[in-house]
Amino acid sequence: MNVMERKNTDLVKEFNTYIREHPDFADRIPNNAIVIMQLEGDEEFNKWGIKLAKSHAENGRPVIYVRIKKMKPIRSRIEELELQQQVAS
């Protein structure tokens, strides 16, 4: 999986969580739509997404661009860690 695919996968996961928390937003997306993630400020990723949309486009099928304008930083849920170091022999 390349960098763009990984970023897209992460954004889709976040979008799915958002949709579960805001089901009224999901009602605005037509059935059978192609949903393309866009990230404000990341033009390289956005161009990649548009190219992806064009490669999957079908006549009459709606294409929806979801532009994420702001995201909170990812935070770890780990509360406590321990490190162990060994020397290979």
N, C-alpha and C. Protein backbone atom coordinates (compact mmCIF):
# COMPACT_ATOMS: atom_id res chain seq x y z
N MET A 1 0.85 -1.18 0.00
CA MET A 1 0.00 0.00 0.00
C MET A 1 0.90 1.24 0.00
N ASN A 2 0.64 2.14 -0.94
CA ASN A 2 1.48 3.34 -1.01
C ASN A 2 0.97 4.42 -0.04
N VAL A 3 1.67 5.53 0.02
CA VAL A 3 1.37 6.61 0.97
C VAL A 3 -0.03 7.16 0.74
N MET A 4 -0.41 7.38 -0.51
CA MET A 4 -1.73 7.94 -0.81
C MET A 4 -2.84 6.98 -0.42
N GLU A 5 -2.64 5.71 -0.71
CA GLU A 5 -3.64 4.70 -0.34
C GLU A 5 -3.79 4.62 1.17
N ARG A 6 -2.68 4.69 1.88
CA ARG A 6 -2.73 4.63 3.35
C ARG A 6 -3.45 5.85 3.92
N LYS A 7 -3.15 7.03 3.37
CA LYS A 7 -3.81 8.25 3.83
C LYS A 7 -5.32 8.16 3.54
N ASN A 8 -5.67 7.67 2.35
CA ASN A 8 -7.07 7.53 1.98
C ASN A 8 -7.79 6.57 2.92
N THR A 9 -7.14 5.45 3.22
CA THR A 9 -7.73 4.47 4.13
C THR A 9 -7.97 5.09 5.51
N ASP A 10 -7.02 5.85 6.01
CA ASP A 10 -7.18 6.50 7.31
C ASP A 10 -8.33 7.51 7.27
N LEU A 11 -8.43 8.28 6.19
CA LEU A 11 -9.50 9.27 6.07
C LEU A 11 -10.87 8.60 5.95
N VAL A 12 -10.94 7.50 5.22
CA VAL A 12 -12.20 6.78 5.09
C VAL A 12 -12.64 6.24 6.46
N LYS A 13 -11.70 5.74 7.23
CA LYS A 13 -12.04 5.26 8.58
C LYS A 13 -12.61 6.40 9.43
N GLU A 14 -11.95 7.54 9.38
CA GLU A 14 -12.43 8.71 10.13
C GLU A 14 -13.80 9.16 9.64
N PHE A 15 -13.99 9.14 8.33
CA PHE A 15 -15.27 9.53 7.74
C PHE A 15 -16.37 8.57 8.18
N ASN A 16 -16.08 7.28 8.19
CA ASN A 16 -17.07 6.31 8.66
C ASN A 16 -17.47 6.56 10.10
N THR A 17 -16.51 6.89 10.93
CA THR A 17 -16.81 7.22 12.33
C THR A 17 -17.68 8.46 12.39
N TYR A 18 -17.36 9.47 11.59
CA TYR A 18 -18.15 10.71 11.56
C TYR A 18 -19.58 10.41 11.14
N ILE A 19 -19.74 9.58 10.12
CA ILE A 19 -21.08 9.24 9.62
C ILE A 19 -21.89 8.52 10.70
N ARG A 20 -21.25 7.62 11.44
CA ARG A 20 -21.98 6.93 12.53
C ARG A 20 -22.44 7.92 13.59
N GLU A 21 -21.63 8.95 13.84
CA GLU A 21 -21.98 9.95 14.85
C GLU A 21 -22.92 11.03 14.32
N HIS A 22 -23.00 11.19 12.99
CA HIS A 22 -23.86 12.20 12.35
C HIS A 22 -24.64 11.56 11.20
N PRO A 23 -25.58 10.66 11.52
CA PRO A 23 -26.29 9.92 10.46
C PRO A 23 -27.05 10.83 9.49
N ASP A 24 -27.45 12.02 9.92
CA ASP A 24 -28.15 12.93 9.02
C ASP A 24 -27.25 13.37 7.86
N PHE A 25 -25.95 13.42 8.10
CA PHE A 25 -25.01 13.77 7.05
C PHE A 25 -24.99 12.69 5.97
N ALA A 26 -25.06 11.44 6.39
CA ALA A 26 -25.05 10.33 5.44
C ALA A 26 -26.26 10.37 4.52
N ASP A 27 -27.37 10.89 4.99
CA ASP A 27 -28.58 10.98 4.16
C ASP A 27 -28.38 11.86 2.94
N ARG A 28 -27.38 12.72 2.97
CA ARG A 28 -27.12 13.63 1.85
C ARG A 28 -26.29 12.98 0.74
N ILE A 29 -25.81 11.76 0.99
CA ILE A 29 -24.99 11.06 0.00
C ILE A 29 -25.89 10.08 -0.75
N PRO A 30 -25.98 10.24 -2.07
CA PRO A 30 -26.85 9.35 -2.86
C PRO A 30 -26.39 7.89 -2.77
N ASN A 31 -27.34 6.98 -2.87
CA ASN A 31 -27.01 5.55 -2.93
C ASN A 31 -26.14 5.28 -4.14
N ASN A 32 -25.22 4.36 -4.00
CA ASN A 32 -24.35 3.93 -5.08
C ASN A 32 -23.35 5.01 -5.52
N ALA A 33 -23.16 6.04 -4.70
CA ALA A 33 -22.23 7.12 -5.05
C ALA A 33 -20.79 6.66 -4.85
N ILE A 34 -19.92 7.22 -5.65
CA ILE A 34 -18.48 7.07 -5.43
C ILE A 34 -18.08 8.22 -4.53
N VAL A 35 -17.52 7.90 -3.38
CA VAL A 35 -17.13 8.92 -2.41
C VAL A 35 -15.61 9.07 -2.46
N ILE A 36 -15.17 10.30 -2.75
CA ILE A 36 -13.75 10.59 -2.87
C ILE A 36 -13.35 11.54 -1.75
N MET A 37 -12.36 11.13 -0.99
CA MET A 37 -11.88 11.94 0.12
C MET A 37 -10.95 13.03 -0.42
N GLN A 38 -11.09 14.22 0.12
CA GLN A 38 -10.22 15.35 -0.19
C GLN A 38 -9.81 15.96 1.15
N LEU A 39 -8.60 16.45 1.23
CA LEU A 39 -8.07 16.98 2.48
C LEU A 39 -7.56 18.40 2.24
N GLU A 40 -8.19 19.34 2.88
CA GLU A 40 -7.82 20.74 2.69
C GLU A 40 -6.34 20.94 2.98
N GLY A 41 -5.66 21.59 2.03
CA GLY A 41 -4.24 21.88 2.20
C GLY A 41 -3.30 20.81 1.66
N ASP A 42 -3.85 19.72 1.14
CA ASP A 42 -3.00 18.64 0.62
C ASP A 42 -3.34 18.42 -0.86
N GLU A 43 -2.84 19.32 -1.69
CA GLU A 43 -3.20 19.29 -3.11
C GLU A 43 -2.70 18.04 -3.83
N GLU A 44 -1.57 17.51 -3.43
CA GLU A 44 -1.07 16.27 -4.05
C GLU A 44 -2.05 15.13 -3.81
N PHE A 45 -2.50 14.98 -2.57
CA PHE A 45 -3.47 13.94 -2.25
C PHE A 45 -4.79 14.19 -2.98
N ASN A 46 -5.24 15.43 -3.03
CA ASN A 46 -6.50 15.76 -3.68
C ASN A 46 -6.46 15.44 -5.17
N LYS A 47 -5.35 15.73 -5.83
CA LYS A 47 -5.21 15.40 -7.25
C LYS A 47 -5.24 13.88 -7.44
N TRP A 48 -4.60 13.17 -6.54
CA TRP A 48 -4.61 11.72 -6.59
C TRP A 48 -6.05 11.21 -6.45
N GLY A 49 -6.83 11.80 -5.53
CA GLY A 49 -8.22 11.40 -5.33
C GLY A 49 -9.08 11.67 -6.55
N ILE A 50 -8.87 12.81 -7.19
CA ILE A 50 -9.64 13.14 -8.40
C ILE A 50 -9.32 12.14 -9.51
N LYS A 51 -8.04 11.79 -9.65
CA LYS A 51 -7.65 10.80 -10.65
C LYS A 51 -8.30 9.45 -10.34
N LEU A 52 -8.33 9.09 -9.08
CA LEU A 52 -8.98 7.85 -8.65
C LEU A 52 -10.47 7.87 -9.00
N ALA A 53 -11.11 9.00 -8.75
CA ALA A 53 -12.54 9.14 -9.05
C ALA A 53 -12.79 8.94 -10.53
N LYS A 54 -11.97 9.55 -11.37
CA LYS A 54 -12.15 9.44 -12.82
C LYS A 54 -11.97 8.00 -13.29
N SER A 55 -11.07 7.27 -12.64
CA SER A 55 -10.83 5.88 -13.05
C SER A 55 -11.98 4.97 -12.64
N HIS A 56 -12.78 5.37 -11.65
CA HIS A 56 -13.91 4.56 -11.18
C HIS A 56 -15.27 5.10 -11.65
N ALA A 57 -15.26 6.22 -12.33
CA ALA A 57 -16.51 6.85 -12.74
C ALA A 57 -17.27 5.97 -13.74
N GLU A 58 -18.58 5.94 -13.56
CA GLU A 58 -19.46 5.24 -14.48
C GLU A 58 -20.57 6.20 -14.87
N ASN A 59 -21.04 6.09 -16.10
CA ASN A 59 -22.11 6.97 -16.56
C ASN A 59 -23.31 6.93 -15.61
N GLY A 60 -23.74 8.11 -15.21
CA GLY A 60 -24.93 8.22 -14.36
C GLY A 60 -24.69 7.98 -12.88
N ARG A 61 -23.50 7.53 -12.51
CA ARG A 61 -23.22 7.26 -11.10
C ARG A 61 -22.70 8.54 -10.45
N PRO A 62 -23.31 8.96 -9.33
CA PRO A 62 -22.86 10.19 -8.68
C PRO A 62 -21.47 10.04 -8.06
N VAL A 63 -20.69 11.11 -8.15
CA VAL A 63 -19.38 11.18 -7.51
C VAL A 63 -19.46 12.28 -6.46
N ILE A 64 -19.19 11.94 -5.23
CA ILE A 64 -19.26 12.88 -4.12
C ILE A 64 -17.85 13.11 -3.59
N TYR A 65 -17.45 14.36 -3.53
CA TYR A 65 -16.16 14.73 -2.96
C TYR A 65 -16.37 15.20 -1.54
N VAL A 66 -15.76 14.52 -0.61
CA VAL A 66 -15.83 14.89 0.81
C VAL A 66 -14.55 15.65 1.13
N ARG A 67 -14.68 16.95 1.37
CA ARG A 67 -13.51 17.77 1.66
C ARG A 67 -13.40 17.93 3.18
N ILE A 68 -12.39 17.33 3.74
CA ILE A 68 -12.15 17.42 5.18
C ILE A 68 -11.38 18.71 5.42
N LYS A 69 -12.00 19.60 6.18
CA LYS A 69 -11.43 20.93 6.37
C LYS A 69 -10.54 21.01 7.61
N LYS A 70 -10.84 20.18 8.60
CA LYS A 70 -10.08 20.26 9.85
C LYS A 70 -10.18 18.92 10.57
N MET A 71 -9.05 18.46 11.08
CA MET A 71 -9.03 17.22 11.87
C MET A 71 -8.25 17.45 13.15
N LYS A 72 -8.69 16.78 14.18
CA LYS A 72 -7.94 16.81 15.43
C LYS A 72 -6.73 15.89 15.29
N PRO A 73 -5.67 16.17 16.03
CA PRO A 73 -4.49 15.29 15.98
C PRO A 73 -4.83 13.90 16.52
N ILE A 74 -4.16 12.91 15.95
CA ILE A 74 -4.32 11.54 16.44
C ILE A 74 -3.61 11.44 17.78
N ARG A 75 -4.25 10.79 18.71
CA ARG A 75 -3.68 10.62 20.05
C ARG A 75 -3.65 9.15 20.40
N SER A 76 -2.65 8.77 21.10
CA SER A 76 -2.54 7.41 21.56
C SER A 76 -3.45 7.19 22.77
N ARG A 77 -3.99 5.99 22.87
CA ARG A 77 -4.80 5.64 24.04
C ARG A 77 -3.98 4.86 25.07
N ILE A 78 -2.70 4.67 24.79
CA ILE A 78 -1.84 3.94 25.72
C ILE A 78 -1.66 4.77 26.98
N GLU A 79 -1.86 4.14 28.12
CA GLU A 79 -1.72 4.84 29.39
C GLU A 79 -0.40 4.55 30.07
N GLU A 80 0.19 3.41 29.77
CA GLU A 80 1.44 3.05 30.43
C GLU A 80 2.24 2.13 29.51
N LEU A 81 3.55 2.35 29.47
CA LEU A 81 4.45 1.55 28.63
C LEU A 81 5.63 1.05 29.43
N GLU A 82 6.23 0.00 28.92
CA GLU A 82 7.49 -0.48 29.45
C GLU A 82 8.33 -0.92 28.27
N LEU A 83 9.60 -0.55 28.26
CA LEU A 83 10.51 -0.98 27.21
C LEU A 83 11.50 -1.98 27.76
N GLN A 84 11.84 -2.95 26.95
CA GLN A 84 12.87 -3.90 27.29
C GLN A 84 13.85 -3.94 26.13
N GLN A 85 15.11 -3.95 26.45
CA GLN A 85 16.13 -3.99 25.42
C GLN A 85 16.96 -5.24 25.59
N GLN A 86 17.26 -5.88 24.49
CA GLN A 86 18.12 -7.05 24.50
C GLN A 86 19.22 -6.84 23.46
N VAL A 87 20.31 -7.50 23.68
CA VAL A 87 21.40 -7.47 22.71
C VAL A 87 21.38 -8.80 21.97
N ALA A 88 21.33 -8.71 20.65
CA ALA A 88 21.30 -9.92 19.86
C ALA A 88 22.63 -10.67 20.01
N SER A 89 22.56 -11.97 20.06
CA SER A 89 23.79 -12.75 20.19
C SER A 89 23.98 -13.67 19.02
